[in-house]
Amino acid sequence: MSDVQTATPQEAFELLLAGNQRFVTGDPEHPNQDATRRTEIAPAQRPFAVLFGCSDSRLAAEIIFDRGLGDLFVVRTAGHVMGNEVLGSIEYGAAILDCPLVVVLGHDSCGAVGAACAALEDGASPAGYIRDVVERVTPSVLAARAAGHHEPDQILAEHIRNTVDLLLDRSRILAERVEAGKAAVVGLCYRLADGTARVVAARGLDVPAALSS
């Protein structure tokens, strides 16, 4: 098995950003995507990061971070909103699979964030269960506006930070692992046009100022 599976939270974070940099510069390595890797991980998985991101089709984790089979334990919902099954999936990746890094991945032009903003402005709510997604994003929009932030990027960053905080507030398992130094939780904002992922929140990890917002 690859040595990424014994990575510390800091090393896992650096691996992820290195892959994103390769993707951005158009020089991907496409690691762990061959038949040898497929055979190697068939008996068991040991990913080095849990990736909790938006379901947007432009946000394919293994591509934008230049990783392969068995590297990332991916959980995705529209607007990266959480329910019990999502929390359970993330806890499984962190506690059972022993991933040292949990990433919350949001992106600009997020439809769920835009819908929540629109619902607050004109009072129109989407039909069906889409409404539930919008309602779960709304507290982040309200928090951003209360802090005087009204630009789309500012609202998105607030939503990512709120998701990171909510993860640690609701999951005792995850909070204890972060406190013990066994894991870190990082919030990243992905830019669709240039492919970069910048840090907007970090818990249990030292992030250089140049990488954060």
N, C-alpha and C. Protein backbone atom coordinates (compact mmCIF):
# COMPACT_ATOMS: atom_id res chain seq x y z
N MET A 1 0.84 -1.19 0.00
CA MET A 1 0.00 0.00 0.00
C MET A 1 0.88 1.24 0.00
N SER A 2 0.35 2.35 -0.54
CA SER A 2 1.12 3.58 -0.65
C SER A 2 1.36 4.20 0.71
N ASP A 3 2.51 4.94 0.84
CA ASP A 3 2.83 5.54 2.12
C ASP A 3 1.94 6.72 2.46
N VAL A 4 1.08 7.15 1.53
CA VAL A 4 0.13 8.22 1.87
C VAL A 4 -0.82 7.77 2.98
N GLN A 5 -0.93 6.48 3.16
CA GLN A 5 -1.88 5.96 4.14
C GLN A 5 -1.36 6.03 5.57
N THR A 6 -0.12 6.47 5.75
CA THR A 6 0.40 6.71 7.10
C THR A 6 0.66 8.20 7.30
N ALA A 7 0.05 9.03 6.47
CA ALA A 7 0.30 10.47 6.51
C ALA A 7 -0.28 11.11 7.77
N THR A 8 0.40 12.14 8.26
CA THR A 8 -0.13 12.98 9.32
C THR A 8 -1.16 13.94 8.71
N PRO A 9 -1.95 14.63 9.55
CA PRO A 9 -2.89 15.62 8.98
C PRO A 9 -2.18 16.65 8.11
N GLN A 10 -1.03 17.13 8.54
CA GLN A 10 -0.29 18.12 7.76
C GLN A 10 0.19 17.54 6.43
N GLU A 11 0.71 16.33 6.47
CA GLU A 11 1.19 15.69 5.25
C GLU A 11 0.05 15.41 4.28
N ALA A 12 -1.10 15.00 4.81
CA ALA A 12 -2.26 14.74 3.96
C ALA A 12 -2.72 16.03 3.28
N PHE A 13 -2.72 17.12 4.04
CA PHE A 13 -3.09 18.42 3.50
C PHE A 13 -2.14 18.83 2.37
N GLU A 14 -0.85 18.64 2.59
CA GLU A 14 0.15 19.01 1.57
C GLU A 14 0.02 18.13 0.32
N LEU A 15 -0.29 16.85 0.50
CA LEU A 15 -0.52 15.97 -0.64
C LEU A 15 -1.70 16.45 -1.49
N LEU A 16 -2.74 16.86 -0.81
CA LEU A 16 -3.93 17.31 -1.51
C LEU A 16 -3.65 18.59 -2.29
N LEU A 17 -2.98 19.55 -1.66
CA LEU A 17 -2.69 20.81 -2.34
C LEU A 17 -1.70 20.62 -3.48
N ALA A 18 -0.76 19.70 -3.31
CA ALA A 18 0.19 19.42 -4.39
C ALA A 18 -0.53 18.89 -5.62
N GLY A 19 -1.51 18.02 -5.39
CA GLY A 19 -2.29 17.50 -6.50
C GLY A 19 -3.10 18.58 -7.18
N ASN A 20 -3.68 19.48 -6.39
CA ASN A 20 -4.43 20.58 -6.97
C ASN A 20 -3.53 21.49 -7.80
N GLN A 21 -2.31 21.71 -7.33
CA GLN A 21 -1.38 22.55 -8.08
C GLN A 21 -1.04 21.92 -9.43
N ARG A 22 -0.87 20.60 -9.45
CA ARG A 22 -0.62 19.91 -10.71
C ARG A 22 -1.79 20.06 -11.67
N PHE A 23 -2.99 19.97 -11.13
CA PHE A 23 -4.19 20.13 -11.94
C PHE A 23 -4.27 21.54 -12.50
N VAL A 24 -3.99 22.54 -11.67
CA VAL A 24 -4.07 23.94 -12.09
C VAL A 24 -3.08 24.24 -13.22
N THR A 25 -1.87 23.71 -13.09
CA THR A 25 -0.83 24.00 -14.09
C THR A 25 -0.92 23.12 -15.33
N GLY A 26 -1.87 22.19 -15.33
CA GLY A 26 -2.04 21.32 -16.49
C GLY A 26 -0.99 20.24 -16.60
N ASP A 27 -0.43 19.83 -15.45
CA ASP A 27 0.61 18.81 -15.44
C ASP A 27 0.26 17.67 -14.48
N PRO A 28 -0.92 17.08 -14.63
CA PRO A 28 -1.34 16.02 -13.70
C PRO A 28 -0.53 14.75 -13.88
N GLU A 29 -0.40 14.00 -12.78
CA GLU A 29 0.32 12.73 -12.81
C GLU A 29 -0.64 11.54 -12.91
N HIS A 30 -1.91 11.76 -12.60
CA HIS A 30 -2.91 10.70 -12.60
C HIS A 30 -2.45 9.50 -11.78
N PRO A 31 -2.07 9.69 -10.52
CA PRO A 31 -1.55 8.57 -9.73
C PRO A 31 -2.65 7.58 -9.35
N ASN A 32 -2.24 6.35 -9.13
CA ASN A 32 -3.15 5.32 -8.59
C ASN A 32 -4.40 5.11 -9.43
N GLN A 33 -4.23 5.12 -10.75
CA GLN A 33 -5.38 4.95 -11.62
C GLN A 33 -5.21 3.79 -12.60
N ASP A 34 -4.31 2.88 -12.27
CA ASP A 34 -4.05 1.76 -13.20
C ASP A 34 -4.53 0.44 -12.60
N ALA A 35 -4.34 -0.63 -13.36
CA ALA A 35 -4.79 -1.95 -12.95
C ALA A 35 -4.04 -2.45 -11.71
N THR A 36 -2.77 -2.06 -11.58
CA THR A 36 -2.00 -2.46 -10.40
C THR A 36 -2.61 -1.90 -9.14
N ARG A 37 -2.97 -0.64 -9.19
CA ARG A 37 -3.60 0.00 -8.03
C ARG A 37 -4.95 -0.64 -7.72
N ARG A 38 -5.71 -0.93 -8.77
CA ARG A 38 -7.02 -1.56 -8.58
C ARG A 38 -6.88 -2.87 -7.83
N THR A 39 -5.90 -3.67 -8.19
CA THR A 39 -5.67 -4.95 -7.53
C THR A 39 -5.16 -4.75 -6.11
N GLU A 40 -4.30 -3.77 -5.93
CA GLU A 40 -3.68 -3.51 -4.63
C GLU A 40 -4.70 -3.19 -3.56
N ILE A 41 -5.71 -2.38 -3.91
CA ILE A 41 -6.66 -1.93 -2.90
C ILE A 41 -7.93 -2.76 -2.83
N ALA A 42 -8.05 -3.79 -3.67
CA ALA A 42 -9.27 -4.61 -3.65
C ALA A 42 -9.56 -5.21 -2.27
N PRO A 43 -8.56 -5.68 -1.52
CA PRO A 43 -8.86 -6.27 -0.22
C PRO A 43 -9.32 -5.27 0.84
N ALA A 44 -8.84 -4.03 0.77
CA ALA A 44 -9.17 -3.05 1.80
C ALA A 44 -8.82 -1.65 1.31
N GLN A 45 -9.52 -0.66 1.89
CA GLN A 45 -9.23 0.73 1.54
C GLN A 45 -8.60 1.46 2.72
N ARG A 46 -7.74 2.40 2.42
CA ARG A 46 -7.15 3.25 3.45
C ARG A 46 -6.88 4.64 2.85
N PRO A 47 -7.94 5.40 2.56
CA PRO A 47 -7.76 6.72 1.98
C PRO A 47 -7.07 7.67 2.96
N PHE A 48 -6.44 8.71 2.43
CA PHE A 48 -5.74 9.64 3.32
C PHE A 48 -6.56 10.88 3.64
N ALA A 49 -7.73 11.04 2.99
CA ALA A 49 -8.57 12.20 3.28
C ALA A 49 -10.03 11.89 3.03
N VAL A 50 -10.88 12.47 3.86
CA VAL A 50 -12.32 12.49 3.60
C VAL A 50 -12.61 13.79 2.88
N LEU A 51 -13.29 13.72 1.77
CA LEU A 51 -13.61 14.91 0.98
C LEU A 51 -15.12 15.09 1.00
N PHE A 52 -15.59 16.08 1.75
CA PHE A 52 -17.01 16.38 1.82
C PHE A 52 -17.27 17.62 0.98
N GLY A 53 -17.85 17.42 -0.19
CA GLY A 53 -18.01 18.54 -1.10
C GLY A 53 -19.40 18.66 -1.68
N CYS A 54 -19.57 19.72 -2.43
CA CYS A 54 -20.81 19.95 -3.15
C CYS A 54 -20.94 18.93 -4.28
N SER A 55 -22.17 18.61 -4.64
CA SER A 55 -22.43 17.62 -5.69
C SER A 55 -22.23 18.15 -7.10
N ASP A 56 -21.94 19.43 -7.24
CA ASP A 56 -21.78 20.06 -8.55
C ASP A 56 -20.89 19.20 -9.46
N SER A 57 -21.33 19.02 -10.70
CA SER A 57 -20.63 18.14 -11.63
C SER A 57 -19.23 18.64 -11.99
N ARG A 58 -18.95 19.91 -11.71
CA ARG A 58 -17.64 20.49 -12.02
C ARG A 58 -16.65 20.32 -10.88
N LEU A 59 -17.05 19.58 -9.86
CA LEU A 59 -16.25 19.48 -8.63
C LEU A 59 -15.81 18.03 -8.37
N ALA A 60 -15.35 17.35 -9.39
CA ALA A 60 -14.93 15.95 -9.26
C ALA A 60 -13.61 15.88 -8.48
N ALA A 61 -13.67 15.37 -7.27
CA ALA A 61 -12.54 15.46 -6.33
C ALA A 61 -11.26 14.83 -6.85
N GLU A 62 -11.34 13.60 -7.35
CA GLU A 62 -10.12 12.91 -7.79
C GLU A 62 -9.45 13.63 -8.97
N ILE A 63 -10.23 14.37 -9.74
CA ILE A 63 -9.66 15.09 -10.87
C ILE A 63 -9.00 16.39 -10.41
N ILE A 64 -9.70 17.20 -9.65
CA ILE A 64 -9.17 18.52 -9.30
C ILE A 64 -8.04 18.44 -8.27
N PHE A 65 -7.90 17.29 -7.60
CA PHE A 65 -6.77 17.10 -6.69
C PHE A 65 -5.78 16.07 -7.21
N ASP A 66 -5.96 15.65 -8.46
CA ASP A 66 -5.05 14.73 -9.13
C ASP A 66 -4.70 13.52 -8.27
N ARG A 67 -5.73 12.80 -7.86
CA ARG A 67 -5.55 11.58 -7.07
C ARG A 67 -6.21 10.42 -7.81
N GLY A 68 -6.19 9.24 -7.18
CA GLY A 68 -6.72 8.06 -7.86
C GLY A 68 -7.54 7.17 -6.95
N LEU A 69 -7.61 5.90 -7.33
CA LEU A 69 -8.40 4.92 -6.60
C LEU A 69 -7.89 4.76 -5.17
N GLY A 70 -8.80 4.77 -4.22
CA GLY A 70 -8.44 4.52 -2.84
C GLY A 70 -7.80 5.67 -2.10
N ASP A 71 -7.65 6.84 -2.75
CA ASP A 71 -7.00 7.97 -2.09
C ASP A 71 -7.95 8.82 -1.27
N LEU A 72 -9.16 9.02 -1.79
CA LEU A 72 -10.11 9.93 -1.16
C LEU A 72 -11.42 9.22 -0.85
N PHE A 73 -11.94 9.47 0.34
CA PHE A 73 -13.26 8.96 0.74
C PHE A 73 -14.23 10.13 0.53
N VAL A 74 -15.00 10.06 -0.56
CA VAL A 74 -15.76 11.22 -1.02
C VAL A 74 -17.23 11.14 -0.61
N VAL A 75 -17.71 12.22 -0.01
CA VAL A 75 -19.11 12.38 0.37
C VAL A 75 -19.58 13.69 -0.24
N ARG A 76 -20.67 13.65 -1.00
CA ARG A 76 -21.11 14.87 -1.70
C ARG A 76 -22.61 15.06 -1.57
N THR A 77 -23.01 16.30 -1.31
CA THR A 77 -24.41 16.70 -1.33
C THR A 77 -24.50 18.09 -1.93
N ALA A 78 -25.64 18.45 -2.44
CA ALA A 78 -25.82 19.80 -2.99
C ALA A 78 -25.57 20.83 -1.88
N GLY A 79 -24.69 21.78 -2.16
CA GLY A 79 -24.38 22.81 -1.18
C GLY A 79 -23.64 22.31 0.03
N HIS A 80 -23.04 21.12 -0.05
CA HIS A 80 -22.43 20.41 1.08
C HIS A 80 -23.23 20.61 2.38
N VAL A 81 -24.53 20.29 2.29
CA VAL A 81 -25.39 20.34 3.48
C VAL A 81 -25.37 18.97 4.16
N MET A 82 -25.61 18.98 5.48
CA MET A 82 -25.44 17.77 6.27
C MET A 82 -26.73 17.26 6.88
N GLY A 83 -26.87 15.95 6.84
CA GLY A 83 -27.87 15.24 7.61
C GLY A 83 -27.14 14.16 8.40
N ASN A 84 -27.89 13.35 9.12
CA ASN A 84 -27.26 12.32 9.95
C ASN A 84 -26.46 11.31 9.13
N GLU A 85 -26.97 10.96 7.96
CA GLU A 85 -26.27 9.97 7.13
C GLU A 85 -24.95 10.54 6.61
N VAL A 86 -24.92 11.83 6.37
CA VAL A 86 -23.68 12.47 5.92
C VAL A 86 -22.67 12.50 7.06
N LEU A 87 -23.12 12.88 8.23
CA LEU A 87 -22.23 12.88 9.40
C LEU A 87 -21.69 11.48 9.67
N GLY A 88 -22.56 10.48 9.56
CA GLY A 88 -22.12 9.11 9.77
C GLY A 88 -21.09 8.68 8.75
N SER A 89 -21.26 9.10 7.51
CA SER A 89 -20.30 8.75 6.46
C SER A 89 -18.95 9.40 6.72
N ILE A 90 -18.96 10.66 7.14
CA ILE A 90 -17.72 11.36 7.44
C ILE A 90 -17.03 10.74 8.64
N GLU A 91 -17.81 10.41 9.67
CA GLU A 91 -17.23 9.76 10.85
C GLU A 91 -16.63 8.40 10.48
N TYR A 92 -17.28 7.69 9.58
CA TYR A 92 -16.74 6.40 9.15
C TYR A 92 -15.36 6.60 8.51
N GLY A 93 -15.25 7.58 7.63
CA GLY A 93 -13.98 7.84 7.00
C GLY A 93 -12.90 8.25 7.98
N ALA A 94 -13.28 9.07 8.95
CA ALA A 94 -12.30 9.57 9.92
C ALA A 94 -11.93 8.52 10.96
N ALA A 95 -12.92 7.87 11.53
CA ALA A 95 -12.67 6.98 12.67
C ALA A 95 -12.39 5.54 12.27
N ILE A 96 -13.15 5.00 11.33
CA ILE A 96 -12.98 3.60 10.95
C ILE A 96 -11.85 3.44 9.93
N LEU A 97 -11.82 4.33 8.95
CA LEU A 97 -10.76 4.26 7.93
C LEU A 97 -9.52 5.04 8.34
N ASP A 98 -9.62 5.77 9.45
CA ASP A 98 -8.47 6.47 10.05
C ASP A 98 -7.89 7.55 9.13
N CYS A 99 -8.75 8.26 8.41
CA CYS A 99 -8.27 9.36 7.58
C CYS A 99 -7.80 10.52 8.47
N PRO A 100 -6.62 11.05 8.24
CA PRO A 100 -6.11 12.13 9.06
C PRO A 100 -6.60 13.51 8.66
N LEU A 101 -7.33 13.60 7.54
CA LEU A 101 -7.77 14.90 7.05
C LEU A 101 -9.22 14.83 6.58
N VAL A 102 -10.01 15.81 6.99
CA VAL A 102 -11.38 15.97 6.50
C VAL A 102 -11.45 17.34 5.82
N VAL A 103 -11.90 17.35 4.59
CA VAL A 103 -11.99 18.59 3.82
C VAL A 103 -13.45 18.90 3.49
N VAL A 104 -13.84 20.14 3.75
CA VAL A 104 -15.13 20.65 3.28
C VAL A 104 -14.82 21.47 2.04
N LEU A 105 -15.40 21.07 0.91
CA LEU A 105 -15.08 21.70 -0.36
C LEU A 105 -16.30 22.40 -0.95
N GLY A 106 -16.24 23.73 -0.96
CA GLY A 106 -17.27 24.53 -1.62
C GLY A 106 -16.70 25.14 -2.89
N HIS A 107 -17.54 25.86 -3.61
CA HIS A 107 -17.07 26.45 -4.87
C HIS A 107 -17.88 27.68 -5.22
N ASP A 108 -17.29 28.55 -6.05
CA ASP A 108 -18.01 29.74 -6.49
C ASP A 108 -19.15 29.34 -7.43
N SER A 109 -20.09 30.25 -7.58
CA SER A 109 -21.28 30.00 -8.42
C SER A 109 -22.06 28.79 -7.96
N CYS A 110 -22.10 28.56 -6.65
CA CYS A 110 -22.83 27.42 -6.08
C CYS A 110 -24.33 27.66 -6.19
N GLY A 111 -25.04 26.75 -6.83
CA GLY A 111 -26.47 26.90 -7.02
C GLY A 111 -27.25 26.92 -5.72
N ALA A 112 -26.82 26.12 -4.75
CA ALA A 112 -27.54 26.07 -3.47
C ALA A 112 -27.40 27.39 -2.71
N VAL A 113 -26.21 27.96 -2.72
CA VAL A 113 -26.00 29.25 -2.05
C VAL A 113 -26.78 30.34 -2.78
N GLY A 114 -26.75 30.32 -4.10
CA GLY A 114 -27.50 31.30 -4.87
C GLY A 114 -29.00 31.20 -4.63
N ALA A 115 -29.50 29.98 -4.51
CA ALA A 115 -30.93 29.78 -4.26
C ALA A 115 -31.32 30.27 -2.88
N ALA A 116 -30.44 30.07 -1.89
CA ALA A 116 -30.72 30.55 -0.54
C ALA A 116 -30.76 32.08 -0.51
N CYS A 117 -29.84 32.71 -1.22
CA CYS A 117 -29.83 34.17 -1.31
C CYS A 117 -31.11 34.66 -1.97
N ALA A 118 -31.51 34.02 -3.06
CA ALA A 118 -32.72 34.42 -3.78
C ALA A 118 -33.96 34.24 -2.93
N ALA A 119 -34.02 33.14 -2.16
CA ALA A 119 -35.18 32.88 -1.32
C ALA A 119 -35.34 33.96 -0.24
N LEU A 120 -34.21 34.44 0.29
CA LEU A 120 -34.27 35.50 1.29
C LEU A 120 -34.69 36.83 0.68
N GLU A 121 -34.34 37.04 -0.57
CA GLU A 121 -34.63 38.31 -1.22
C GLU A 121 -36.05 38.40 -1.74
N ASP A 122 -36.55 37.32 -2.34
CA ASP A 122 -37.89 37.40 -2.94
C ASP A 122 -38.92 36.50 -2.29
N GLY A 123 -38.47 35.70 -1.29
CA GLY A 123 -39.40 34.86 -0.55
C GLY A 123 -39.84 33.61 -1.28
N ALA A 124 -39.31 33.38 -2.47
CA ALA A 124 -39.72 32.21 -3.25
C ALA A 124 -38.87 31.00 -2.85
N SER A 125 -39.53 29.91 -2.48
CA SER A 125 -38.82 28.69 -2.10
C SER A 125 -38.98 27.62 -3.17
N PRO A 126 -37.93 26.86 -3.45
CA PRO A 126 -38.03 25.77 -4.43
C PRO A 126 -39.01 24.70 -3.96
N ALA A 127 -39.45 23.91 -4.90
CA ALA A 127 -40.38 22.83 -4.57
C ALA A 127 -39.64 21.58 -4.11
N GLY A 128 -40.39 20.67 -3.53
CA GLY A 128 -39.87 19.37 -3.15
C GLY A 128 -38.76 19.45 -2.10
N TYR A 129 -37.89 18.45 -2.15
CA TYR A 129 -36.81 18.37 -1.17
C TYR A 129 -35.67 19.35 -1.46
N ILE A 130 -35.73 20.01 -2.62
CA ILE A 130 -34.74 21.06 -2.88
C ILE A 130 -34.88 22.15 -1.83
N ARG A 131 -36.09 22.37 -1.36
CA ARG A 131 -36.32 23.37 -0.32
C ARG A 131 -35.51 23.07 0.92
N ASP A 132 -35.39 21.79 1.26
CA ASP A 132 -34.63 21.42 2.45
C ASP A 132 -33.16 21.80 2.30
N VAL A 133 -32.61 21.61 1.11
CA VAL A 133 -31.23 22.01 0.86
C VAL A 133 -31.07 23.51 1.06
N VAL A 134 -31.98 24.28 0.46
CA VAL A 134 -31.91 25.74 0.56
C VAL A 134 -32.03 26.20 2.02
N GLU A 135 -32.93 25.58 2.76
CA GLU A 135 -33.11 25.96 4.16
C GLU A 135 -31.88 25.69 5.00
N ARG A 136 -31.11 24.66 4.64
CA ARG A 136 -29.91 24.34 5.41
C ARG A 136 -28.75 25.28 5.07
N VAL A 137 -28.81 25.91 3.91
CA VAL A 137 -27.79 26.89 3.54
C VAL A 137 -28.12 28.27 4.08
N THR A 138 -29.40 28.55 4.28
CA THR A 138 -29.86 29.89 4.67
C THR A 138 -29.17 30.44 5.92
N PRO A 139 -28.94 29.66 6.99
CA PRO A 139 -28.26 30.23 8.16
C PRO A 139 -26.88 30.82 7.83
N SER A 140 -26.18 30.23 6.89
CA SER A 140 -24.87 30.76 6.50
C SER A 140 -25.02 32.11 5.80
N VAL A 141 -26.04 32.23 4.96
CA VAL A 141 -26.28 33.50 4.28
C VAL A 141 -26.64 34.58 5.29
N LEU A 142 -27.49 34.24 6.25
CA LEU A 142 -27.88 35.21 7.27
C LEU A 142 -26.68 35.62 8.13
N ALA A 143 -25.82 34.65 8.46
CA ALA A 143 -24.63 34.96 9.26
C ALA A 143 -23.69 35.88 8.51
N ALA A 144 -23.53 35.63 7.21
CA ALA A 144 -22.67 36.49 6.39
C ALA A 144 -23.21 37.91 6.34
N ARG A 145 -24.49 38.04 6.13
CA ARG A 145 -25.09 39.38 6.05
C ARG A 145 -25.03 40.10 7.39
N ALA A 146 -25.20 39.35 8.47
CA ALA A 146 -25.11 39.97 9.80
C ALA A 146 -23.72 40.51 10.07
N ALA A 147 -22.72 39.88 9.44
CA ALA A 147 -21.34 40.34 9.60
C ALA A 147 -20.96 41.41 8.58
N GLY A 148 -21.94 41.83 7.78
CA GLY A 148 -21.69 42.87 6.79
C GLY A 148 -21.12 42.36 5.49
N HIS A 149 -21.23 41.04 5.25
CA HIS A 149 -20.70 40.46 4.02
C HIS A 149 -21.85 40.18 3.05
N HIS A 150 -21.77 40.79 1.88
CA HIS A 150 -22.86 40.63 0.92
C HIS A 150 -22.39 40.14 -0.44
N GLU A 151 -21.08 40.11 -0.66
CA GLU A 151 -20.57 39.62 -1.94
C GLU A 151 -20.68 38.10 -2.01
N PRO A 152 -20.92 37.55 -3.20
CA PRO A 152 -21.06 36.09 -3.33
C PRO A 152 -19.89 35.31 -2.74
N ASP A 153 -18.65 35.76 -2.98
CA ASP A 153 -17.49 35.04 -2.46
C ASP A 153 -17.46 35.07 -0.93
N GLN A 154 -17.88 36.18 -0.35
CA GLN A 154 -17.91 36.30 1.11
C GLN A 154 -18.97 35.38 1.71
N ILE A 155 -20.11 35.31 1.06
CA ILE A 155 -21.19 34.45 1.55
C ILE A 155 -20.78 32.98 1.44
N LEU A 156 -20.14 32.63 0.32
CA LEU A 156 -19.67 31.25 0.15
C LEU A 156 -18.65 30.88 1.21
N ALA A 157 -17.69 31.77 1.47
CA ALA A 157 -16.68 31.49 2.49
C ALA A 157 -17.32 31.29 3.85
N GLU A 158 -18.35 32.08 4.15
CA GLU A 158 -19.05 31.93 5.42
C GLU A 158 -19.75 30.58 5.49
N HIS A 159 -20.32 30.15 4.38
CA HIS A 159 -21.01 28.85 4.36
C HIS A 159 -20.02 27.71 4.58
N ILE A 160 -18.85 27.80 3.97
CA ILE A 160 -17.83 26.77 4.17
C ILE A 160 -17.37 26.75 5.62
N ARG A 161 -17.10 27.93 6.18
CA ARG A 161 -16.67 28.00 7.59
C ARG A 161 -17.76 27.46 8.51
N ASN A 162 -19.00 27.79 8.23
CA ASN A 162 -20.10 27.29 9.06
C ASN A 162 -20.21 25.77 8.98
N THR A 163 -19.95 25.21 7.81
CA THR A 163 -20.01 23.76 7.65
C THR A 163 -18.90 23.09 8.46
N VAL A 164 -17.69 23.67 8.43
CA VAL A 164 -16.58 23.15 9.23
C VAL A 164 -16.96 23.18 10.71
N ASP A 165 -17.47 24.31 11.18
CA ASP A 165 -17.84 24.44 12.59
C ASP A 165 -18.97 23.48 12.96
N LEU A 166 -19.93 23.33 12.07
CA LEU A 166 -21.06 22.43 12.33
C LEU A 166 -20.60 20.98 12.43
N LEU A 167 -19.66 20.60 11.58
CA LEU A 167 -19.10 19.25 11.66
C LEU A 167 -18.52 18.98 13.04
N LEU A 168 -17.73 19.91 13.52
CA LEU A 168 -17.07 19.71 14.81
C LEU A 168 -18.03 19.86 15.99
N ASP A 169 -19.07 20.67 15.82
CA ASP A 169 -20.07 20.82 16.88
C ASP A 169 -20.94 19.57 17.00
N ARG A 170 -21.29 18.97 15.87
CA ARG A 170 -22.22 17.86 15.88
C ARG A 170 -21.53 16.51 16.05
N SER A 171 -20.28 16.39 15.62
CA SER A 171 -19.60 15.10 15.68
C SER A 171 -18.58 15.09 16.82
N ARG A 172 -18.92 14.43 17.88
CA ARG A 172 -17.99 14.30 18.99
C ARG A 172 -16.77 13.48 18.57
N ILE A 173 -17.00 12.47 17.75
CA ILE A 173 -15.91 11.62 17.27
C ILE A 173 -14.87 12.46 16.54
N LEU A 174 -15.32 13.29 15.64
CA LEU A 174 -14.40 14.12 14.86
C LEU A 174 -13.71 15.17 15.72
N ALA A 175 -14.47 15.79 16.60
CA ALA A 175 -13.89 16.82 17.48
C ALA A 175 -12.80 16.23 18.37
N GLU A 176 -13.03 15.04 18.88
CA GLU A 176 -12.03 14.40 19.74
C GLU A 176 -10.77 14.03 18.96
N ARG A 177 -10.94 13.61 17.72
CA ARG A 177 -9.77 13.27 16.91
C ARG A 177 -8.94 14.51 16.58
N VAL A 178 -9.62 15.62 16.33
CA VAL A 178 -8.91 16.87 16.08
C VAL A 178 -8.18 17.33 17.34
N GLU A 179 -8.86 17.25 18.46
CA GLU A 179 -8.25 17.67 19.73
C GLU A 179 -7.03 16.81 20.07
N ALA A 180 -7.08 15.54 19.70
CA ALA A 180 -5.97 14.62 20.00
C ALA A 180 -4.85 14.72 18.97
N GLY A 181 -5.04 15.53 17.94
CA GLY A 181 -4.01 15.66 16.90
C GLY A 181 -4.02 14.55 15.87
N LYS A 182 -5.07 13.72 15.89
CA LYS A 182 -5.16 12.61 14.95
C LYS A 182 -5.76 13.01 13.61
N ALA A 183 -6.42 14.15 13.58
CA ALA A 183 -7.09 14.59 12.35
C ALA A 183 -7.17 16.11 12.33
N ALA A 184 -7.39 16.63 11.15
CA ALA A 184 -7.62 18.06 10.96
C ALA A 184 -8.83 18.23 10.05
N VAL A 185 -9.51 19.36 10.18
CA VAL A 185 -10.64 19.68 9.31
C VAL A 185 -10.33 21.00 8.62
N VAL A 186 -10.40 20.99 7.30
CA VAL A 186 -10.06 22.17 6.52
C VAL A 186 -11.21 22.52 5.58
N GLY A 187 -11.51 23.80 5.46
CA GLY A 187 -12.50 24.27 4.50
C GLY A 187 -11.82 24.90 3.31
N LEU A 188 -12.13 24.42 2.11
CA LEU A 188 -11.52 24.93 0.89
C LEU A 188 -12.59 25.51 -0.03
N CYS A 189 -12.23 26.59 -0.70
CA CYS A 189 -13.11 27.19 -1.70
C CYS A 189 -12.47 27.00 -3.07
N TYR A 190 -13.16 26.32 -3.95
CA TYR A 190 -12.66 26.01 -5.29
C TYR A 190 -13.18 27.03 -6.29
N ARG A 191 -12.28 27.51 -7.14
CA ARG A 191 -12.65 28.46 -8.18
C ARG A 191 -12.81 27.71 -9.50
N LEU A 192 -14.00 27.78 -10.06
CA LEU A 192 -14.30 26.99 -11.25
C LEU A 192 -13.45 27.39 -12.45
N ALA A 193 -13.17 28.67 -12.61
CA ALA A 193 -12.47 29.15 -13.81
C ALA A 193 -11.01 28.74 -13.86
N ASP A 194 -10.30 28.84 -12.73
CA ASP A 194 -8.87 28.54 -12.76
C ASP A 194 -8.48 27.26 -12.04
N GLY A 195 -9.43 26.62 -11.35
CA GLY A 195 -9.16 25.33 -10.73
C GLY A 195 -8.44 25.37 -9.40
N THR A 196 -8.24 26.56 -8.85
CA THR A 196 -7.51 26.66 -7.58
C THR A 196 -8.42 26.41 -6.38
N ALA A 197 -7.83 25.89 -5.32
CA ALA A 197 -8.55 25.66 -4.07
C ALA A 197 -7.84 26.44 -2.96
N ARG A 198 -8.51 27.42 -2.37
CA ARG A 198 -7.89 28.22 -1.32
C ARG A 198 -8.53 27.90 0.03
N VAL A 199 -7.76 28.06 1.07
CA VAL A 199 -8.21 27.73 2.42
C VAL A 199 -9.02 28.88 3.01
N VAL A 200 -10.20 28.55 3.53
CA VAL A 200 -11.01 29.56 4.22
C VAL A 200 -11.24 29.21 5.69
N ALA A 201 -10.88 27.99 6.07
CA ALA A 201 -11.02 27.59 7.48
C ALA A 201 -10.09 26.40 7.73
N ALA A 202 -9.51 26.35 8.91
CA ALA A 202 -8.63 25.22 9.27
C ALA A 202 -8.72 24.98 10.76
N ARG A 203 -8.97 23.75 11.13
CA ARG A 203 -9.03 23.35 12.53
C ARG A 203 -8.07 22.18 12.75
N GLY A 204 -7.11 22.36 13.64
CA GLY A 204 -6.13 21.32 13.92
C GLY A 204 -4.99 21.28 12.93
N LEU A 205 -4.76 22.41 12.24
CA LEU A 205 -3.73 22.45 11.21
C LEU A 205 -3.16 23.85 11.11
N ASP A 206 -1.85 23.96 10.91
CA ASP A 206 -1.22 25.26 10.67
C ASP A 206 -1.16 25.50 9.18
N VAL A 207 -1.84 26.54 8.74
CA VAL A 207 -1.91 26.86 7.32
C VAL A 207 -1.17 28.17 7.06
N PRO A 208 -0.21 28.18 6.14
CA PRO A 208 0.48 29.43 5.81
C PRO A 208 -0.49 30.51 5.36
N ALA A 209 -0.22 31.75 5.75
CA ALA A 209 -1.13 32.85 5.41
C ALA A 209 -1.32 32.97 3.91
N ALA A 210 -0.32 32.63 3.13
CA ALA A 210 -0.39 32.75 1.69
C ALA A 210 -1.45 31.82 1.08
N LEU A 211 -1.81 30.77 1.80
CA LEU A 211 -2.77 29.81 1.27
C LEU A 211 -4.20 30.10 1.69
N SER A 212 -4.37 31.00 2.65
CA SER A 212 -5.70 31.25 3.19
C SER A 212 -6.24 32.59 2.70
N SER A 213 -7.52 32.75 2.91
CA SER A 213 -8.19 33.98 2.45
C SER A 213 -7.96 35.09 3.44
